[in-house]
PDB file of N, CA and C in Angstrom:
ATOM      1  N   UNK A   1       7.800 -17.270 -14.283  1.00  0.00           N
ATOM      2  CA  UNK A   1       7.242 -16.094 -13.636  1.00  0.00           C
ATOM      3  C   UNK A   1       8.251 -15.605 -12.596  1.00  0.00           C
ATOM      4  N   UNK A   2       8.682 -14.378 -12.715  1.00  0.00           N
ATOM      5  CA  UNK A   2       9.657 -13.803 -11.802  1.00  0.00           C
ATOM      6  C   UNK A   2       8.991 -12.679 -11.017  1.00  0.00           C
ATOM      7  N   UNK A   3       8.411 -13.037  -9.888  1.00  0.00           N
ATOM      8  CA  UNK A   3       7.719 -12.055  -9.051  1.00  0.00           C
ATOM      9  C   UNK A   3       8.719 -11.335  -8.161  1.00  0.00           C
ATOM     10  N   UNK A   4       8.475 -10.049  -7.955  1.00  0.00           N
ATOM     11  CA  UNK A   4       9.302  -9.263  -7.055  1.00  0.00           C
ATOM     12  C   UNK A   4       8.617  -9.218  -5.698  1.00  0.00           C
ATOM     13  N   UNK A   5       9.125  -9.980  -4.739  1.00  0.00           N
ATOM     14  CA  UNK A   5       8.573  -9.993  -3.396  1.00  0.00           C
ATOM     15  C   UNK A   5       9.408  -9.089  -2.503  1.00  0.00           C
ATOM     16  N   UNK A   6       8.726  -8.211  -1.794  1.00  0.00           N
ATOM     17  CA  UNK A   6       9.396  -7.208  -0.968  1.00  0.00           C
ATOM     18  C   UNK A   6       9.170  -7.482   0.507  1.00  0.00           C
ATOM     19  N   UNK A   7      10.164  -7.166   1.312  1.00  0.00           N
ATOM     20  CA  UNK A   7      10.007  -7.202   2.764  1.00  0.00           C
ATOM     21  C   UNK A   7       9.105  -6.042   3.185  1.00  0.00           C
ATOM     22  N   UNK A   8       8.729  -6.020   4.444  1.00  0.00           N
ATOM     23  CA  UNK A   8       7.917  -4.912   4.955  1.00  0.00           C
ATOM     24  C   UNK A   8       8.644  -3.583   4.772  1.00  0.00           C
ATOM     25  N   UNK A   9       9.931  -3.559   5.083  1.00  0.00           N
ATOM     26  CA  UNK A   9      10.706  -2.311   4.940  1.00  0.00           C
ATOM     27  C   UNK A   9      10.775  -1.874   3.478  1.00  0.00           C
ATOM     28  N   UNK A  10      10.985  -2.829   2.566  1.00  0.00           N
ATOM     29  CA  UNK A  10      11.060  -2.493   1.141  1.00  0.00           C
ATOM     30  C   UNK A  10       9.712  -2.028   0.611  1.00  0.00           C
ATOM     31  N   UNK A  11       8.639  -2.688   1.046  1.00  0.00           N
ATOM     32  CA  UNK A  11       7.293  -2.290   0.611  1.00  0.00           C
ATOM     33  C   UNK A  11       6.957  -0.902   1.141  1.00  0.00           C
ATOM     34  N   UNK A  12       7.319  -0.635   2.390  1.00  0.00           N
ATOM     35  CA  UNK A  12       7.075   0.683   2.976  1.00  0.00           C
ATOM     36  C   UNK A  12       7.826   1.757   2.191  1.00  0.00           C
ATOM     37  N   UNK A  13       9.049   1.479   1.824  1.00  0.00           N
ATOM     38  CA  UNK A  13       9.834   2.423   1.023  1.00  0.00           C
ATOM     39  C   UNK A  13       9.170   2.651  -0.337  1.00  0.00           C
ATOM     40  N   UNK A  14       8.714   1.583  -0.958  1.00  0.00           N
ATOM     41  CA  UNK A  14       8.036   1.674  -2.254  1.00  0.00           C
ATOM     42  C   UNK A  14       6.798   2.564  -2.164  1.00  0.00           C
ATOM     43  N   UNK A  15       6.046   2.436  -1.047  1.00  0.00           N
ATOM     44  CA  UNK A  15       4.808   3.201  -0.852  1.00  0.00           C
ATOM     45  C   UNK A  15       5.050   4.554  -0.192  1.00  0.00           C
ATOM     46  N   UNK A  16       6.287   4.824   0.196  1.00  0.00           N
ATOM     47  CA  UNK A  16       6.648   6.067   0.894  1.00  0.00           C
ATOM     48  C   UNK A  16       5.908   6.163   2.234  1.00  0.00           C
ATOM     49  N   UNK A  17       5.892   5.041   2.951  1.00  0.00           N
ATOM     50  CA  UNK A  17       5.291   4.948   4.280  1.00  0.00           C
ATOM     51  C   UNK A  17       6.338   4.406   5.241  1.00  0.00           C
ATOM     52  N   UNK A  18       6.013   4.415   6.505  1.00  0.00           N
ATOM     53  CA  UNK A  18       6.918   3.789   7.468  1.00  0.00           C
ATOM     54  C   UNK A  18       6.561   2.300   7.590  1.00  0.00           C
ATOM     55  N   UNK A  19       7.544   1.466   7.900  1.00  0.00           N
ATOM     56  CA  UNK A  19       7.244   0.047   8.136  1.00  0.00           C
ATOM     57  C   UNK A  19       6.217  -0.134   9.255  1.00  0.00           C
ATOM     58  N   UNK A  20       6.251   0.741  10.248  1.00  0.00           N
ATOM     59  CA  UNK A  20       5.287   0.654  11.352  1.00  0.00           C
ATOM     60  C   UNK A  20       3.857   0.836  10.852  1.00  0.00           C
ATOM     61  N   UNK A  21       3.661   1.699   9.860  1.00  0.00           N
ATOM     62  CA  UNK A  21       2.324   1.897   9.295  1.00  0.00           C
ATOM     63  C   UNK A  21       1.826   0.602   8.666  1.00  0.00           C
ATOM     64  N   UNK A  22       2.678  -0.059   7.889  1.00  0.00           N
ATOM     65  CA  UNK A  22       2.261  -1.324   7.279  1.00  0.00           C
ATOM     66  C   UNK A  22       1.960  -2.381   8.337  1.00  0.00           C
ATOM     67  N   UNK A  23       2.776  -2.455   9.382  1.00  0.00           N
ATOM     68  CA  UNK A  23       2.515  -3.425  10.457  1.00  0.00           C
ATOM     69  C   UNK A  23       1.189  -3.130  11.143  1.00  0.00           C
ATOM     70  N   UNK A  24       0.919  -1.862  11.411  1.00  0.00           N
ATOM     71  CA  UNK A  24      -0.341  -1.473  12.043  1.00  0.00           C
ATOM     72  C   UNK A  24      -1.518  -1.842  11.156  1.00  0.00           C
ATOM     73  N   UNK A  25      -1.422  -1.522   9.868  1.00  0.00           N
ATOM     74  CA  UNK A  25      -2.505  -1.854   8.945  1.00  0.00           C
ATOM     75  C   UNK A  25      -2.748  -3.358   8.904  1.00  0.00           C
ATOM     76  N   UNK A  26      -1.666  -4.168   8.899  1.00  0.00           N
ATOM     77  CA  UNK A  26      -1.835  -5.625   8.889  1.00  0.00           C
ATOM     78  C   UNK A  26      -2.605  -6.081  10.112  1.00  0.00           C
ATOM     79  N   UNK A  27      -2.241  -5.548  11.271  1.00  0.00           N
ATOM     80  CA  UNK A  27      -2.920  -5.938  12.522  1.00  0.00           C
ATOM     81  C   UNK A  27      -4.394  -5.546  12.507  1.00  0.00           C
ATOM     82  N   UNK A  28      -4.729  -4.471  11.819  1.00  0.00           N
ATOM     83  CA  UNK A  28      -6.105  -3.986  11.748  1.00  0.00           C
ATOM     84  C   UNK A  28      -6.879  -4.591  10.572  1.00  0.00           C
ATOM     85  N   UNK A  29      -6.210  -5.379   9.748  1.00  0.00           N
ATOM     86  CA  UNK A  29      -6.864  -5.958   8.578  1.00  0.00           C
ATOM     87  C   UNK A  29      -7.051  -4.950   7.459  1.00  0.00           C
ATOM     88  N   UNK A  30      -6.201  -3.932   7.431  1.00  0.00           N
ATOM     89  CA  UNK A  30      -6.282  -2.885   6.412  1.00  0.00           C
ATOM     90  C   UNK A  30      -5.001  -2.904   5.582  1.00  0.00           C
ATOM     91  N   UNK A  31      -4.924  -1.979   4.646  1.00  0.00           N
ATOM     92  CA  UNK A  31      -3.716  -1.839   3.845  1.00  0.00           C
ATOM     93  C   UNK A  31      -3.639  -2.841   2.722  1.00  0.00           C
ATOM     94  N   UNK A  32      -2.489  -2.896   2.072  1.00  0.00           N
ATOM     95  CA  UNK A  32      -2.330  -3.773   0.916  1.00  0.00           C
ATOM     96  C   UNK A  32      -2.281  -5.247   1.325  1.00  0.00           C
ATOM     97  N   UNK A  33      -2.648  -6.096   0.367  1.00  0.00           N
ATOM     98  CA  UNK A  33      -2.567  -7.533   0.588  1.00  0.00           C
ATOM     99  C   UNK A  33      -1.109  -7.931   0.739  1.00  0.00           C
ATOM    100  N   UNK A  34      -0.874  -9.004   1.489  1.00  0.00           N
ATOM    101  CA  UNK A  34       0.484  -9.477   1.689  1.00  0.00           C
ATOM    102  C   UNK A  34       0.498 -10.999   1.689  1.00  0.00           C
ATOM    103  N   UNK A  35       1.669 -11.547   1.572  1.00  0.00           N
ATOM    104  CA  UNK A  35       1.866 -12.989   1.604  1.00  0.00           C
ATOM    105  C   UNK A  35       2.568 -13.355   2.902  1.00  0.00           C
ATOM    106  N   UNK A  36       2.225 -14.495   3.445  1.00  0.00           N
ATOM    107  CA  UNK A  36       2.919 -14.995   4.628  1.00  0.00           C
ATOM    108  C   UNK A  36       3.569 -16.310   4.217  1.00  0.00           C
ATOM    109  N   UNK A  37       4.882 -16.311   4.133  1.00  0.00           N
ATOM    110  CA  UNK A  37       5.633 -17.476   3.682  1.00  0.00           C
ATOM    111  C   UNK A  37       6.490 -17.964   4.847  1.00  0.00           C
ATOM    112  N   UNK A  38       6.098 -19.095   5.408  1.00  0.00           N
ATOM    113  CA  UNK A  38       6.805 -19.675   6.556  1.00  0.00           C
ATOM    114  C   UNK A  38       7.061 -18.642   7.648  1.00  0.00           C
ATOM    115  N   UNK A  39       6.027 -17.871   7.960  1.00  0.00           N
ATOM    116  CA  UNK A  39       6.106 -16.885   9.032  1.00  0.00           C
ATOM    117  C   UNK A  39       6.695 -15.547   8.632  1.00  0.00           C
ATOM    118  N   UNK A  40       7.140 -15.425   7.389  1.00  0.00           N
ATOM    119  CA  UNK A  40       7.742 -14.181   6.912  1.00  0.00           C
ATOM    120  C   UNK A  40       6.748 -13.427   6.034  1.00  0.00           C
ATOM    121  N   UNK A  41       6.567 -12.153   6.303  1.00  0.00           N
ATOM    122  CA  UNK A  41       5.647 -11.320   5.523  1.00  0.00           C
ATOM    123  C   UNK A  41       6.375 -10.793   4.295  1.00  0.00           C
ATOM    124  N   UNK A  42       5.728 -10.934   3.147  1.00  0.00           N
ATOM    125  CA  UNK A  42       6.251 -10.403   1.894  1.00  0.00           C
ATOM    126  C   UNK A  42       5.121  -9.727   1.131  1.00  0.00           C
ATOM    127  N   UNK A  43       5.466  -8.705   0.380  1.00  0.00           N
ATOM    128  CA  UNK A  43       4.525  -7.977  -0.451  1.00  0.00           C
ATOM    129  C   UNK A  43       4.921  -8.155  -1.909  1.00  0.00           C
ATOM    130  N   UNK A  44       3.953  -8.524  -2.735  1.00  0.00           N
ATOM    131  CA  UNK A  44       4.174  -8.643  -4.167  1.00  0.00           C
ATOM    132  C   UNK A  44       4.079  -7.242  -4.767  1.00  0.00           C
ATOM    133  N   UNK A  45       5.097  -6.841  -5.512  1.00  0.00           N
ATOM    134  CA  UNK A  45       5.137  -5.481  -6.049  1.00  0.00           C
ATOM    135  C   UNK A  45       3.949  -5.194  -6.973  1.00  0.00           C
ATOM    136  N   UNK A  46       3.534  -6.175  -7.765  1.00  0.00           N
ATOM    137  CA  UNK A  46       2.368  -5.983  -8.637  1.00  0.00           C
ATOM    138  C   UNK A  46       1.098  -5.765  -7.818  1.00  0.00           C
ATOM    139  N   UNK A  47       0.984  -6.468  -6.689  1.00  0.00           N
ATOM    140  CA  UNK A  47      -0.188  -6.299  -5.822  1.00  0.00           C
ATOM    141  C   UNK A  47      -0.182  -4.915  -5.171  1.00  0.00           C
ATOM    142  N   UNK A  48       1.004  -4.418  -4.836  1.00  0.00           N
ATOM    143  CA  UNK A  48       1.095  -3.065  -4.276  1.00  0.00           C
ATOM    144  C   UNK A  48       0.647  -2.030  -5.298  1.00  0.00           C
ATOM    145  N   UNK A  49       1.080  -2.206  -6.541  1.00  0.00           N
ATOM    146  CA  UNK A  49       0.658  -1.274  -7.597  1.00  0.00           C
ATOM    147  C   UNK A  49      -0.858  -1.319  -7.790  1.00  0.00           C
ATOM    148  N   UNK A  50      -1.435  -2.518  -7.782  1.00  0.00           N
ATOM    149  CA  UNK A  50      -2.890  -2.657  -7.937  1.00  0.00           C
ATOM    150  C   UNK A  50      -3.606  -2.005  -6.763  1.00  0.00           C
ATOM    151  N   UNK A  51      -3.087  -2.163  -5.559  1.00  0.00           N
ATOM    152  CA  UNK A  51      -3.684  -1.554  -4.369  1.00  0.00           C
ATOM    153  C   UNK A  51      -3.675  -0.031  -4.504  1.00  0.00           C
ATOM    154  N   UNK A  52      -2.561   0.511  -4.990  1.00  0.00           N
ATOM    155  CA  UNK A  52      -2.481   1.962  -5.205  1.00  0.00           C
ATOM    156  C   UNK A  52      -3.492   2.427  -6.249  1.00  0.00           C
ATOM    157  N   UNK A  53      -3.616   1.685  -7.337  1.00  0.00           N
ATOM    158  CA  UNK A  53      -4.574   2.073  -8.397  1.00  0.00           C
ATOM    159  C   UNK A  53      -6.003   2.102  -7.871  1.00  0.00           C
ATOM    160  N   UNK A  54      -6.335   1.196  -6.952  1.00  0.00           N
ATOM    161  CA  UNK A  54      -7.698   1.182  -6.394  1.00  0.00           C
ATOM    162  C   UNK A  54      -7.965   2.393  -5.497  1.00  0.00           C
ATOM    163  N   UNK A  55      -6.931   3.104  -5.128  1.00  0.00           N
ATOM    164  CA  UNK A  55      -7.087   4.270  -4.262  1.00  0.00           C
ATOM    165  C   UNK A  55      -7.109   5.585  -5.015  1.00  0.00           C
ATOM    166  N   UNK A  56      -7.027   5.554  -6.310  1.00  0.00           N
ATOM    167  CA  UNK A  56      -7.058   6.783  -7.110  1.00  0.00           C
ATOM    168  C   UNK A  56      -8.441   7.406  -7.005  1.00  0.00           C
ATOM    169  N   UNK A  57      -8.484   8.675  -6.729  1.00  0.00           N
ATOM    170  CA  UNK A  57      -9.750   9.408  -6.612  1.00  0.00           C
ATOM    171  C   UNK A  57      -9.715  10.604  -7.536  1.00  0.00           C
ATOM    172  N   UNK A  58     -10.854  10.911  -8.118  1.00  0.00           N
ATOM    173  CA  UNK A  58     -10.956  12.107  -8.945  1.00  0.00           C
ATOM    174  C   UNK A  58     -11.299  13.284  -8.038  1.00  0.00           C
ATOM    175  N   UNK A  59     -10.775  14.457  -8.358  1.00  0.00           N
ATOM    176  CA  UNK A  59     -11.105  15.637  -7.548  1.00  0.00           C
ATOM    177  C   UNK A  59     -12.603  15.916  -7.623  1.00  0.00           C
ATOM    178  N   UNK A  60     -13.143  16.346  -6.506  1.00  0.00           N
ATOM    179  CA  UNK A  60     -14.546  16.718  -6.458  1.00  0.00           C
ATOM    180  C   UNK A  60     -14.686  18.187  -6.781  1.00  0.00           C
ATOM    181  N   UNK A  61     -15.790  18.532  -7.427  1.00  0.00           N
ATOM    182  CA  UNK A  61     -16.063  19.942  -7.722  1.00  0.00           C
ATOM    183  C   UNK A  61     -16.340  20.670  -6.409  1.00  0.00           C
ATOM    184  N   UNK A  62     -15.758  21.824  -6.281  1.00  0.00           N
ATOM    185  CA  UNK A  62     -15.966  22.646  -5.086  1.00  0.00           C
ATOM    186  C   UNK A  62     -16.409  24.039  -5.528  1.00  0.00           C
ATOM    187  N   UNK A  63     -17.017  24.743  -4.603  1.00  0.00           N
ATOM    188  CA  UNK A  63     -17.378  26.129  -4.924  1.00  0.00           C
ATOM    189  C   UNK A  63     -16.107  26.950  -5.049  1.00  0.00           C
ATOM    190  N   UNK A  64     -16.177  28.050  -5.792  1.00  0.00           N
ATOM    191  CA  UNK A  64     -15.022  28.901  -6.022  1.00  0.00           C
ATOM    192  C   UNK A  64     -14.437  29.416  -4.709  1.00  0.00           C
ATOM    193  N   UNK A  65     -15.287  29.656  -3.732  1.00  0.00           N
ATOM    194  CA  UNK A  65     -14.826  30.188  -2.451  1.00  0.00           C
ATOM    195  C   UNK A  65     -14.032  29.130  -1.684  1.00  0.00           C
ATOM    196  N   UNK A  66     -14.310  27.820  -1.948  1.00  0.00           N
ATOM    197  CA  UNK A  66     -13.641  26.746  -1.211  1.00  0.00           C
ATOM    198  C   UNK A  66     -12.375  26.248  -1.857  1.00  0.00           C
ATOM    199  N   UNK A  67     -12.056  26.725  -3.053  1.00  0.00           N
ATOM    200  CA  UNK A  67     -10.855  26.249  -3.758  1.00  0.00           C
ATOM    201  C   UNK A  67      -9.653  27.118  -3.409  1.00  0.00           C
ATOM    202  N   UNK A  68      -8.523  26.475  -3.372  1.00  0.00           N
ATOM    203  CA  UNK A  68      -7.291  27.245  -3.154  1.00  0.00           C
ATOM    204  C   UNK A  68      -6.297  26.951  -4.233  1.00  0.00           C
TER     205      UNK A  68
END
């Protein structure tokens, strides 16, 4: 098994976020799951993809006046 483990900076780049956002989410108990290996935070790329898939939302129907 060859897992791709990413640093916070690499994971942030993958998600198109800032590393500070990921750090803030970790402190708040939010955001994607992460691994802590001997004090070092790592993100599994497959877990990041799964986290993104769980956030997919379908557009809601809106009235014609509210659509742009």
